[in-house]
PDB file of all heavy atoms in Angstrom:
ATOM      1  N   PRO A   1    -171.571  -1.497-266.022  1.00  0.00           N
ATOM      2  CA  PRO A   1    -171.308  -0.126-266.394  1.00  0.00           C
ATOM      3  C   PRO A   1    -171.889   0.936-265.509  1.00  0.00           C
ATOM      4  O   PRO A   1    -171.392   1.990-265.297  1.00  0.00           O
ATOM      5  CB  PRO A   1    -171.761  -0.002-267.829  1.00  0.00           C
ATOM      6  CG  PRO A   1    -171.700  -1.349-268.410  1.00  0.00           C
ATOM      7  CD  PRO A   1    -172.191  -2.217-267.230  1.00  0.00           C
ATOM      8  N   ILE A   2    -173.069   0.528-264.859  1.00  0.00           N
ATOM      9  CA  ILE A   2    -173.742   1.503-264.008  1.00  0.00           C
ATOM     10  C   ILE A   2    -173.168   1.456-262.547  1.00  0.00           C
ATOM     11  O   ILE A   2    -173.010   2.457-261.945  1.00  0.00           O
ATOM     12  CB  ILE A   2    -175.281   1.167-264.005  1.00  0.00           C
ATOM     13  CG1 ILE A   2    -175.866   1.368-265.432  1.00  0.00           C
ATOM     14  CG2 ILE A   2    -176.003   2.051-263.008  1.00  0.00           C
ATOM     15  CD1 ILE A   2    -177.299   1.028-265.512  1.00  0.00           C
ATOM     16  N   PHE A   3    -172.902   0.199-262.123  1.00  0.00           N
ATOM     17  CA  PHE A   3    -172.466   0.075-260.730  1.00  0.00           C
ATOM     18  C   PHE A   3    -170.925   0.368-260.586  1.00  0.00           C
ATOM     19  O   PHE A   3    -170.543   0.809-259.536  1.00  0.00           O
ATOM     20  CB  PHE A   3    -172.719  -1.364-260.205  1.00  0.00           C
ATOM     21  CG  PHE A   3    -174.212  -1.653-259.961  1.00  0.00           C
ATOM     22  CD1 PHE A   3    -174.930  -2.511-260.717  1.00  0.00           C
ATOM     23  CD2 PHE A   3    -174.748  -1.075-258.843  1.00  0.00           C
ATOM     24  CE1 PHE A   3    -176.262  -2.751-260.500  1.00  0.00           C
ATOM     25  CE2 PHE A   3    -176.150  -1.300-258.554  1.00  0.00           C
ATOM     26  CZ  PHE A   3    -176.835  -2.161-259.369  1.00  0.00           C
ATOM     27  N   ALA A   4    -170.206   0.126-261.553  1.00  0.00           N
ATOM     28  CA  ALA A   4    -168.705   0.276-261.379  1.00  0.00           C
ATOM     29  C   ALA A   4    -168.351   1.813-261.331  1.00  0.00           C
ATOM     30  O   ALA A   4    -168.776   2.509-262.229  1.00  0.00           O
ATOM     31  CB  ALA A   4    -167.983  -0.331-262.611  1.00  0.00           C
ATOM     32  N   PRO A   5    -167.599   2.198-260.299  1.00  0.00           N
ATOM     33  CA  PRO A   5    -167.260   3.616-260.167  1.00  0.00           C
ATOM     34  C   PRO A   5    -166.202   4.057-261.184  1.00  0.00           C
ATOM     35  O   PRO A   5    -166.090   5.323-261.397  1.00  0.00           O
ATOM     36  CB  PRO A   5    -166.832   3.778-258.711  1.00  0.00           C
ATOM     37  CG  PRO A   5    -166.310   2.412-258.408  1.00  0.00           C
ATOM     38  CD  PRO A   5    -167.149   1.433-259.190  1.00  0.00           C
ATOM     39  N   HIS A   6    -165.385   3.167-261.663  1.00  0.00           N
ATOM     40  CA  HIS A   6    -164.295   3.539-262.569  1.00  0.00           C
ATOM     41  C   HIS A   6    -164.189   2.589-263.734  1.00  0.00           C
ATOM     42  O   HIS A   6    -164.864   1.527-263.692  1.00  0.00           O
ATOM     43  CB  HIS A   6    -162.986   3.495-261.803  1.00  0.00           C
ATOM     44  CG  HIS A   6    -162.934   4.513-260.602  1.00  0.00           C
ATOM     45  ND1 HIS A   6    -162.688   5.824-260.677  1.00  0.00           N
ATOM     46  CD2 HIS A   6    -163.162   4.198-259.247  1.00  0.00           C
ATOM     47  CE1 HIS A   6    -162.660   6.389-259.502  1.00  0.00           C
ATOM     48  NE2 HIS A   6    -162.944   5.445-258.640  1.00  0.00           N
ATOM     49  N   ASP A   7    -163.385   2.974-264.727  1.00  0.00           N
ATOM     50  CA  ASP A   7    -163.127   2.080-265.862  1.00  0.00           C
ATOM     51  C   ASP A   7    -162.181   0.933-265.327  1.00  0.00           C
ATOM     52  O   ASP A   7    -161.137   1.181-264.765  1.00  0.00           O
ATOM     53  CB  ASP A   7    -162.419   2.898-266.954  1.00  0.00           C
ATOM     54  CG  ASP A   7    -162.213   2.056-268.206  1.00  0.00           C
ATOM     55  OD1 ASP A   7    -162.258   0.869-268.131  1.00  0.00           O
ATOM     56  OD2 ASP A   7    -161.948   2.651-269.286  1.00  0.00           O
ATOM     57  N   PRO A   8    -162.651  -0.317-265.570  1.00  0.00           N
ATOM     58  CA  PRO A   8    -161.840  -1.421-264.953  1.00  0.00           C
ATOM     59  C   PRO A   8    -160.504  -1.684-265.525  1.00  0.00           C
ATOM     60  O   PRO A   8    -159.637  -2.418-264.975  1.00  0.00           O
ATOM     61  CB  PRO A   8    -162.782  -2.601-265.205  1.00  0.00           C
ATOM     62  CG  PRO A   8    -163.613  -2.259-266.366  1.00  0.00           C
ATOM     63  CD  PRO A   8    -163.817  -0.807-266.257  1.00  0.00           C
ATOM     64  N   ILE A   9    -160.252  -1.115-266.776  1.00  0.00           N
ATOM     65  CA  ILE A   9    -158.961  -1.296-267.472  1.00  0.00           C
ATOM     66  C   ILE A   9    -158.216  -0.066-267.591  1.00  0.00           C
ATOM     67  O   ILE A   9    -157.118  -0.047-268.206  1.00  0.00           O
ATOM     68  CB  ILE A   9    -159.183  -2.027-268.812  1.00  0.00           C
ATOM     69  CG1 ILE A   9    -160.055  -1.105-269.720  1.00  0.00           C
ATOM     70  CG2 ILE A   9    -159.820  -3.372-268.649  1.00  0.00           C
ATOM     71  CD1 ILE A   9    -160.144  -1.672-271.143  1.00  0.00           C
ATOM     72  N   ALA A  10    -158.677   1.093-266.987  1.00  0.00           N
ATOM     73  CA  ALA A  10    -157.911   2.273-267.154  1.00  0.00           C
ATOM     74  C   ALA A  10    -156.634   2.259-266.260  1.00  0.00           C
ATOM     75  O   ALA A  10    -156.798   1.995-265.060  1.00  0.00           O
ATOM     76  CB  ALA A  10    -158.875   3.471-266.729  1.00  0.00           C
ATOM     77  N   LEU A  11    -155.506   2.623-266.689  1.00  0.00           N
ATOM     78  CA  LEU A  11    -154.254   2.574-265.991  1.00  0.00           C
ATOM     79  C   LEU A  11    -154.021   3.929-265.342  1.00  0.00           C
ATOM     80  O   LEU A  11    -154.307   4.969-265.953  1.00  0.00           O
ATOM     81  CB  LEU A  11    -153.100   2.166-266.944  1.00  0.00           C
ATOM     82  CG  LEU A  11    -153.307   0.945-267.682  1.00  0.00           C
ATOM     83  CD1 LEU A  11    -152.050   0.661-268.591  1.00  0.00           C
ATOM     84  CD2 LEU A  11    -153.540  -0.310-266.797  1.00  0.00           C
ATOM     85  N   ASN A  12    -153.455   3.884-264.117  1.00  0.00           N
ATOM     86  CA  ASN A  12    -153.141   5.064-263.407  1.00  0.00           C
ATOM     87  C   ASN A  12    -151.974   4.676-262.339  1.00  0.00           C
ATOM     88  O   ASN A  12    -152.222   4.418-261.238  1.00  0.00           O
ATOM     89  CB  ASN A  12    -154.301   5.701-262.707  1.00  0.00           C
ATOM     90  CG  ASN A  12    -153.915   7.044-262.049  1.00  0.00           C
ATOM     91  OD1 ASN A  12    -152.759   7.571-262.174  1.00  0.00           O
ATOM     92  ND2 ASN A  12    -154.842   7.599-261.303  1.00  0.00           N
ATOM     93  N   THR A  13    -150.789   4.529-262.927  1.00  0.00           N
ATOM     94  CA  THR A  13    -149.722   4.004-262.118  1.00  0.00           C
ATOM     95  C   THR A  13    -149.360   4.846-260.869  1.00  0.00           C
ATOM     96  O   THR A  13    -148.736   4.416-259.910  1.00  0.00           O
ATOM     97  CB  THR A  13    -148.470   3.855-262.899  1.00  0.00           C
ATOM     98  OG1 THR A  13    -148.103   5.128-263.595  1.00  0.00           O
ATOM     99  CG2 THR A  13    -148.647   2.801-264.048  1.00  0.00           C
ATOM    100  N   ARG A  14    -149.800   6.100-260.914  1.00  0.00           N
ATOM    101  CA  ARG A  14    -149.538   6.999-259.783  1.00  0.00           C
ATOM    102  C   ARG A  14    -150.305   6.567-258.564  1.00  0.00           C
ATOM    103  O   ARG A  14    -149.959   6.941-257.381  1.00  0.00           O
ATOM    104  CB  ARG A  14    -149.827   8.431-260.105  1.00  0.00           C
ATOM    105  CG  ARG A  14    -148.924   9.069-261.141  1.00  0.00           C
ATOM    106  CD  ARG A  14    -149.352  10.484-261.433  1.00  0.00           C
ATOM    107  NE  ARG A  14    -150.689  10.494-262.064  1.00  0.00           N
ATOM    108  CZ  ARG A  14    -151.340  11.539-262.440  1.00  0.00           C
ATOM    109  NH1 ARG A  14    -150.814  12.773-262.230  1.00  0.00           N
ATOM    110  NH2 ARG A  14    -152.579  11.498-262.962  1.00  0.00           N
ATOM    111  N   GLU A  15    -151.331   5.806-258.707  1.00  0.00           N
ATOM    112  CA  GLU A  15    -152.215   5.340-257.609  1.00  0.00           C
ATOM    113  C   GLU A  15    -152.107   3.816-257.449  1.00  0.00           C
ATOM    114  O   GLU A  15    -152.999   3.192-256.864  1.00  0.00           O
ATOM    115  CB  GLU A  15    -153.693   5.756-257.875  1.00  0.00           C
ATOM    116  CG  GLU A  15    -153.949   7.236-257.913  1.00  0.00           C
ATOM    117  CD  GLU A  15    -155.369   7.543-258.133  1.00  0.00           C
ATOM    118  OE1 GLU A  15    -156.180   6.534-258.343  1.00  0.00           O
ATOM    119  OE2 GLU A  15    -155.721   8.782-258.129  1.00  0.00           O
ATOM    120  N   ALA A  16    -151.043   3.228-257.822  1.00  0.00           N
ATOM    121  CA  ALA A  16    -150.828   1.776-257.775  1.00  0.00           C
ATOM    122  C   ALA A  16    -150.772   1.303-256.387  1.00  0.00           C
ATOM    123  O   ALA A  16    -150.155   1.886-255.504  1.00  0.00           O
ATOM    124  CB  ALA A  16    -149.584   1.392-258.531  1.00  0.00           C
ATOM    125  N   LEU A  17    -151.466   0.096-256.128  1.00  0.00           N
ATOM    126  CA  LEU A  17    -151.409  -0.592-254.862  1.00  0.00           C
ATOM    127  C   LEU A  17    -151.774   0.195-253.721  1.00  0.00           C
ATOM    128  O   LEU A  17    -151.142   0.084-252.566  1.00  0.00           O
ATOM    129  CB  LEU A  17    -149.957  -1.227-254.672  1.00  0.00           C
ATOM    130  CG  LEU A  17    -149.524  -2.221-255.755  1.00  0.00           C
ATOM    131  CD1 LEU A  17    -148.087  -2.665-255.527  1.00  0.00           C
ATOM    132  CD2 LEU A  17    -150.517  -3.510-255.715  1.00  0.00           C
ATOM    133  N   GLN A  18    -152.790   1.002-253.848  1.00  0.00           N
ATOM    134  CA  GLN A  18    -153.344   1.766-252.711  1.00  0.00           C
ATOM    135  C   GLN A  18    -154.342   0.916-251.967  1.00  0.00           C
ATOM    136  O   GLN A  18    -155.003   0.097-252.559  1.00  0.00           O
ATOM    137  CB  GLN A  18    -154.063   3.062-253.235  1.00  0.00           C
ATOM    138  CG  GLN A  18    -153.077   4.087-253.670  1.00  0.00           C
ATOM    139  CD  GLN A  18    -153.809   5.431-254.012  1.00  0.00           C
ATOM    140  OE1 GLN A  18    -155.017   5.496-253.875  1.00  0.00           O
ATOM    141  NE2 GLN A  18    -153.069   6.470-254.367  1.00  0.00           N
ATOM    142  N   GLY A  19    -154.430   1.125-250.693  1.00  0.00           N
ATOM    143  CA  GLY A  19    -155.447   0.459-249.918  1.00  0.00           C
ATOM    144  C   GLY A  19    -156.788   1.134-250.074  1.00  0.00           C
ATOM    145  O   GLY A  19    -156.944   2.067-250.864  1.00  0.00           O
ATOM    146  N   PRO A  20    -157.773   0.646-249.362  1.00  0.00           N
ATOM    147  CA  PRO A  20    -159.186   1.218-249.504  1.00  0.00           C
ATOM    148  C   PRO A  20    -159.096   2.686-249.185  1.00  0.00           C
ATOM    149  O   PRO A  20    -158.645   3.125-248.048  1.00  0.00           O
ATOM    150  CB  PRO A  20    -160.009   0.468-248.528  1.00  0.00           C
ATOM    151  CG  PRO A  20    -159.321  -0.820-248.384  1.00  0.00           C
ATOM    152  CD  PRO A  20    -157.856  -0.549-248.516  1.00  0.00           C
ATOM    153  N   THR A  21    -159.580   3.534-250.114  1.00  0.00           N
ATOM    154  CA  THR A  21    -159.657   5.023-249.834  1.00  0.00           C
ATOM    155  C   THR A  21    -160.951   5.467-250.349  1.00  0.00           C
ATOM    156  O   THR A  21    -161.715   4.806-250.791  1.00  0.00           O
ATOM    157  CB  THR A  21    -158.473   5.745-250.576  1.00  0.00           C
ATOM    158  OG1 THR A  21    -158.574   5.412-252.013  1.00  0.00           O
ATOM    159  CG2 THR A  21    -157.102   5.200-250.080  1.00  0.00           C
ATOM    160  N   GLY A  22    -161.112   6.834-250.247  1.00  0.00           N
ATOM    161  CA  GLY A  22    -162.357   7.435-250.716  1.00  0.00           C
ATOM    162  C   GLY A  22    -162.705   7.198-252.138  1.00  0.00           C
ATOM    163  O   GLY A  22    -163.731   6.623-252.525  1.00  0.00           O
ATOM    164  N   PRO A  23    -161.787   7.546-253.100  1.00  0.00           N
ATOM    165  CA  PRO A  23    -162.088   7.304-254.485  1.00  0.00           C
ATOM    166  C   PRO A  23    -162.069   5.891-254.893  1.00  0.00           C
ATOM    167  O   PRO A  23    -162.663   5.414-255.885  1.00  0.00           O
ATOM    168  CB  PRO A  23    -160.856   7.990-255.252  1.00  0.00           C
ATOM    169  CG  PRO A  23    -160.263   8.973-254.186  1.00  0.00           C
ATOM    170  CD  PRO A  23    -160.529   8.317-252.882  1.00  0.00           C
ATOM    171  N   HIS A  24    -161.344   4.997-254.117  1.00  0.00           N
ATOM    172  CA  HIS A  24    -161.246   3.585-254.455  1.00  0.00           C
ATOM    173  C   HIS A  24    -161.584   2.738-253.166  1.00  0.00           C
ATOM    174  O   HIS A  24    -160.689   2.520-252.311  1.00  0.00           O
ATOM    175  CB  HIS A  24    -159.837   3.211-254.910  1.00  0.00           C
ATOM    176  CG  HIS A  24    -159.317   4.047-256.110  1.00  0.00           C
ATOM    177  ND1 HIS A  24    -159.792   3.862-257.391  1.00  0.00           N
ATOM    178  CD2 HIS A  24    -158.512   5.132-256.161  1.00  0.00           C
ATOM    179  CE1 HIS A  24    -159.221   4.670-258.241  1.00  0.00           C
ATOM    180  NE2 HIS A  24    -158.448   5.489-257.491  1.00  0.00           N
ATOM    181  N   LEU A  25    -162.843   2.386-253.085  1.00  0.00           N
ATOM    182  CA  LEU A  25    -163.260   1.797-251.847  1.00  0.00           C
ATOM    183  C   LEU A  25    -162.631   0.479-251.543  1.00  0.00           C
ATOM    184  O   LEU A  25    -162.465   0.062-250.435  1.00  0.00           O
ATOM    185  CB  LEU A  25    -164.778   1.464-251.950  1.00  0.00           C
ATOM    186  CG  LEU A  25    -165.705   2.781-251.990  1.00  0.00           C
ATOM    187  CD1 LEU A  25    -167.128   2.400-252.116  1.00  0.00           C
ATOM    188  CD2 LEU A  25    -165.485   3.690-250.801  1.00  0.00           C
ATOM    189  N   PHE A  26    -162.202  -0.304-252.588  1.00  0.00           N
ATOM    190  CA  PHE A  26    -161.518  -1.548-252.414  1.00  0.00           C
ATOM    191  C   PHE A  26    -159.997  -1.443-252.644  1.00  0.00           C
ATOM    192  O   PHE A  26    -159.328  -2.440-252.620  1.00  0.00           O
ATOM    193  CB  PHE A  26    -162.137  -2.629-253.309  1.00  0.00           C
ATOM    194  CG  PHE A  26    -163.414  -3.188-252.778  1.00  0.00           C
ATOM    195  CD1 PHE A  26    -164.053  -2.549-251.707  1.00  0.00           C
ATOM    196  CD2 PHE A  26    -163.999  -4.324-253.430  1.00  0.00           C
ATOM    197  CE1 PHE A  26    -165.340  -3.113-251.237  1.00  0.00           C
ATOM    198  CE2 PHE A  26    -165.230  -4.809-252.957  1.00  0.00           C
ATOM    199  CZ  PHE A  26    -165.851  -4.136-251.871  1.00  0.00           C
ATOM    200  N   GLY A  27    -159.526  -0.290-252.955  1.00  0.00           N
ATOM    201  CA  GLY A  27    -158.173  -0.110-253.257  1.00  0.00           C
ATOM    202  C   GLY A  27    -157.822  -0.203-254.724  1.00  0.00           C
ATOM    203  O   GLY A  27    -158.743  -0.284-255.593  1.00  0.00           O
ATOM    204  N   THR A  28    -156.527  -0.248-255.196  1.00  0.00           N
ATOM    205  CA  THR A  28    -156.137  -0.324-256.513  1.00  0.00           C
ATOM    206  C   THR A  28    -155.116  -1.517-256.633  1.00  0.00           C
ATOM    207  O   THR A  28    -154.501  -2.014-255.689  1.00  0.00           O
ATOM    208  CB  THR A  28    -155.495   0.949-256.972  1.00  0.00           C
ATOM    209  OG1 THR A  28    -154.293   1.209-256.161  1.00  0.00           O
ATOM    210  CG2 THR A  28    -156.406   2.058-256.906  1.00  0.00           C
ATOM    211  N   ASP A  29    -154.896  -1.940-257.943  1.00  0.00           N
ATOM    212  CA  ASP A  29    -153.939  -2.981-258.215  1.00  0.00           C
ATOM    213  C   ASP A  29    -152.621  -2.391-258.615  1.00  0.00           C
ATOM    214  O   ASP A  29    -152.405  -1.173-258.462  1.00  0.00           O
ATOM    215  CB  ASP A  29    -154.481  -3.996-259.299  1.00  0.00           C
ATOM    216  CG  ASP A  29    -154.727  -3.278-260.603  1.00  0.00           C
ATOM    217  OD1 ASP A  29    -154.316  -2.024-260.786  1.00  0.00           O
ATOM    218  OD2 ASP A  29    -155.293  -3.891-261.544  1.00  0.00           O
ATOM    219  N   GLU A  30    -151.748  -3.217-259.146  1.00  0.00           N
ATOM    220  CA  GLU A  30    -150.376  -2.785-259.436  1.00  0.00           C
ATOM    221  C   GLU A  30    -150.341  -1.826-260.584  1.00  0.00           C
ATOM    222  O   GLU A  30    -149.352  -1.094-260.822  1.00  0.00           O
ATOM    223  CB  GLU A  30    -149.501  -3.952-259.848  1.00  0.00           C
ATOM    224  CG  GLU A  30    -149.757  -4.700-261.110  1.00  0.00           C
ATOM    225  CD  GLU A  30    -150.840  -5.693-261.033  1.00  0.00           C
ATOM    226  OE1 GLU A  30    -151.691  -5.586-260.143  1.00  0.00           O
ATOM    227  OE2 GLU A  30    -150.809  -6.712-261.821  1.00  0.00           O
ATOM    228  N   TYR A  31    -151.418  -1.682-261.333  1.00  0.00           N
ATOM    229  CA  TYR A  31    -151.464  -0.653-262.480  1.00  0.00           C
ATOM    230  C   TYR A  31    -152.406   0.486-262.068  1.00  0.00           C
ATOM    231  O   TYR A  31    -152.656   1.351-262.897  1.00  0.00           O
ATOM    232  CB  TYR A  31    -151.967  -1.339-263.785  1.00  0.00           C
ATOM    233  CG  TYR A  31    -151.094  -2.482-264.225  1.00  0.00           C
ATOM    234  CD1 TYR A  31    -151.513  -3.777-264.114  1.00  0.00           C
ATOM    235  CD2 TYR A  31    -149.867  -2.191-264.772  1.00  0.00           C
ATOM    236  CE1 TYR A  31    -150.725  -4.806-264.573  1.00  0.00           C
ATOM    237  CE2 TYR A  31    -149.008  -3.195-265.223  1.00  0.00           C
ATOM    238  CZ  TYR A  31    -149.449  -4.525-265.155  1.00  0.00           C
ATOM    239  OH  TYR A  31    -148.678  -5.543-265.604  1.00  0.00           O
ATOM    240  N   GLY A  32    -152.809   0.591-260.821  1.00  0.00           N
ATOM    241  CA  GLY A  32    -153.668   1.718-260.484  1.00  0.00           C
ATOM    242  C   GLY A  32    -155.130   1.520-260.861  1.00  0.00           C
ATOM    243  O   GLY A  32    -155.886   2.461-260.787  1.00  0.00           O
ATOM    244  N   ARG A  33    -155.470   0.328-261.298  1.00  0.00           N
ATOM    245  CA  ARG A  33    -156.898   0.137-261.695  1.00  0.00           C
ATOM    246  C   ARG A  33    -157.762  -0.161-260.426  1.00  0.00           C
ATOM    247  O   ARG A  33    -157.277  -0.787-259.451  1.00  0.00           O
ATOM    248  CB  ARG A  33    -156.985  -1.109-262.681  1.00  0.00           C
ATOM    249  CG  ARG A  33    -156.241  -0.876-263.924  1.00  0.00           C
ATOM    250  CD  ARG A  33    -156.179  -2.086-264.828  1.00  0.00           C
ATOM    251  NE  ARG A  33    -155.503  -3.153-264.141  1.00  0.00           N
ATOM    252  CZ  ARG A  33    -155.065  -4.282-264.772  1.00  0.00           C
ATOM    253  NH1 ARG A  33    -155.378  -4.455-266.087  1.00  0.00           N
ATOM    254  NH2 ARG A  33    -154.422  -5.274-264.218  1.00  0.00           N
ATOM    255  N   ASP A  34    -158.966   0.303-260.465  1.00  0.00           N
ATOM    256  CA  ASP A  34    -159.861   0.214-259.306  1.00  0.00           C
ATOM    257  C   ASP A  34    -160.291  -1.204-259.133  1.00  0.00           C
ATOM    258  O   ASP A  34    -160.858  -1.825-260.017  1.00  0.00           O
ATOM    259  CB  ASP A  34    -161.062   1.085-259.533  1.00  0.00           C
ATOM    260  CG  ASP A  34    -161.965   1.122-258.328  1.00  0.00           C
ATOM    261  OD1 ASP A  34    -161.580   1.615-257.300  1.00  0.00           O
ATOM    262  OD2 ASP A  34    -163.144   0.578-258.503  1.00  0.00           O
ATOM    263  N   ILE A  35    -160.045  -1.768-257.936  1.00  0.00           N
ATOM    264  CA  ILE A  35    -160.343  -3.231-257.638  1.00  0.00           C
ATOM    265  C   ILE A  35    -161.840  -3.439-257.607  1.00  0.00           C
ATOM    266  O   ILE A  35    -162.313  -4.493-258.138  1.00  0.00           O
ATOM    267  CB  ILE A  35    -159.701  -3.632-256.299  1.00  0.00           C
ATOM    268  CG1 ILE A  35    -158.148  -3.591-256.482  1.00  0.00           C
ATOM    269  CG2 ILE A  35    -160.163  -5.005-255.928  1.00  0.00           C
ATOM    270  CD1 ILE A  35    -157.378  -3.975-255.216  1.00  0.00           C
ATOM    271  N   LEU A  36    -162.608  -2.565-257.026  1.00  0.00           N
ATOM    272  CA  LEU A  36    -163.986  -2.731-256.965  1.00  0.00           C
ATOM    273  C   LEU A  36    -164.700  -2.794-258.383  1.00  0.00           C
ATOM    274  O   LEU A  36    -165.466  -3.689-258.650  1.00  0.00           O
ATOM    275  CB  LEU A  36    -164.720  -1.589-256.208  1.00  0.00           C
ATOM    276  CG  LEU A  36    -166.217  -1.501-256.171  1.00  0.00           C
ATOM    277  CD1 LEU A  36    -166.779  -2.826-255.540  1.00  0.00           C
ATOM    278  CD2 LEU A  36    -166.703  -0.316-255.406  1.00  0.00           C
ATOM    279  N   SER A  37    -164.175  -1.918-259.266  1.00  0.00           N
ATOM    280  CA  SER A  37    -164.708  -1.946-260.664  1.00  0.00           C
ATOM    281  C   SER A  37    -164.335  -3.234-261.340  1.00  0.00           C
ATOM    282  O   SER A  37    -165.099  -3.808-262.119  1.00  0.00           O
ATOM    283  CB  SER A  37    -164.208  -0.760-261.416  1.00  0.00           C
ATOM    284  OG  SER A  37    -164.565   0.471-260.878  1.00  0.00           O
ATOM    285  N   ARG A  38    -163.083  -3.735-261.074  1.00  0.00           N
ATOM    286  CA  ARG A  38    -162.697  -4.962-261.759  1.00  0.00           C
ATOM    287  C   ARG A  38    -163.460  -6.176-261.188  1.00  0.00           C
ATOM    288  O   ARG A  38    -163.721  -7.125-261.880  1.00  0.00           O
ATOM    289  CB  ARG A  38    -161.195  -5.110-261.551  1.00  0.00           C
ATOM    290  CG  ARG A  38    -160.330  -4.110-262.444  1.00  0.00           C
ATOM    291  CD  ARG A  38    -158.885  -4.323-262.277  1.00  0.00           C
ATOM    292  NE  ARG A  38    -158.489  -5.651-262.832  1.00  0.00           N
ATOM    293  CZ  ARG A  38    -158.339  -5.953-264.059  1.00  0.00           C
ATOM    294  NH1 ARG A  38    -158.634  -4.970-265.021  1.00  0.00           N
ATOM    295  NH2 ARG A  38    -157.951  -7.111-264.465  1.00  0.00           N
TER     296      ARG A  38
END
């Protein structure tokens, strides 16, 4: 909970399948969930 930058199960379909970006260092999955946090 301390290291993860985002909620690992929070959905945000508007940001689905993004590559590594500023808010999401490892990108996002098909539901917009942060890959690094997961």
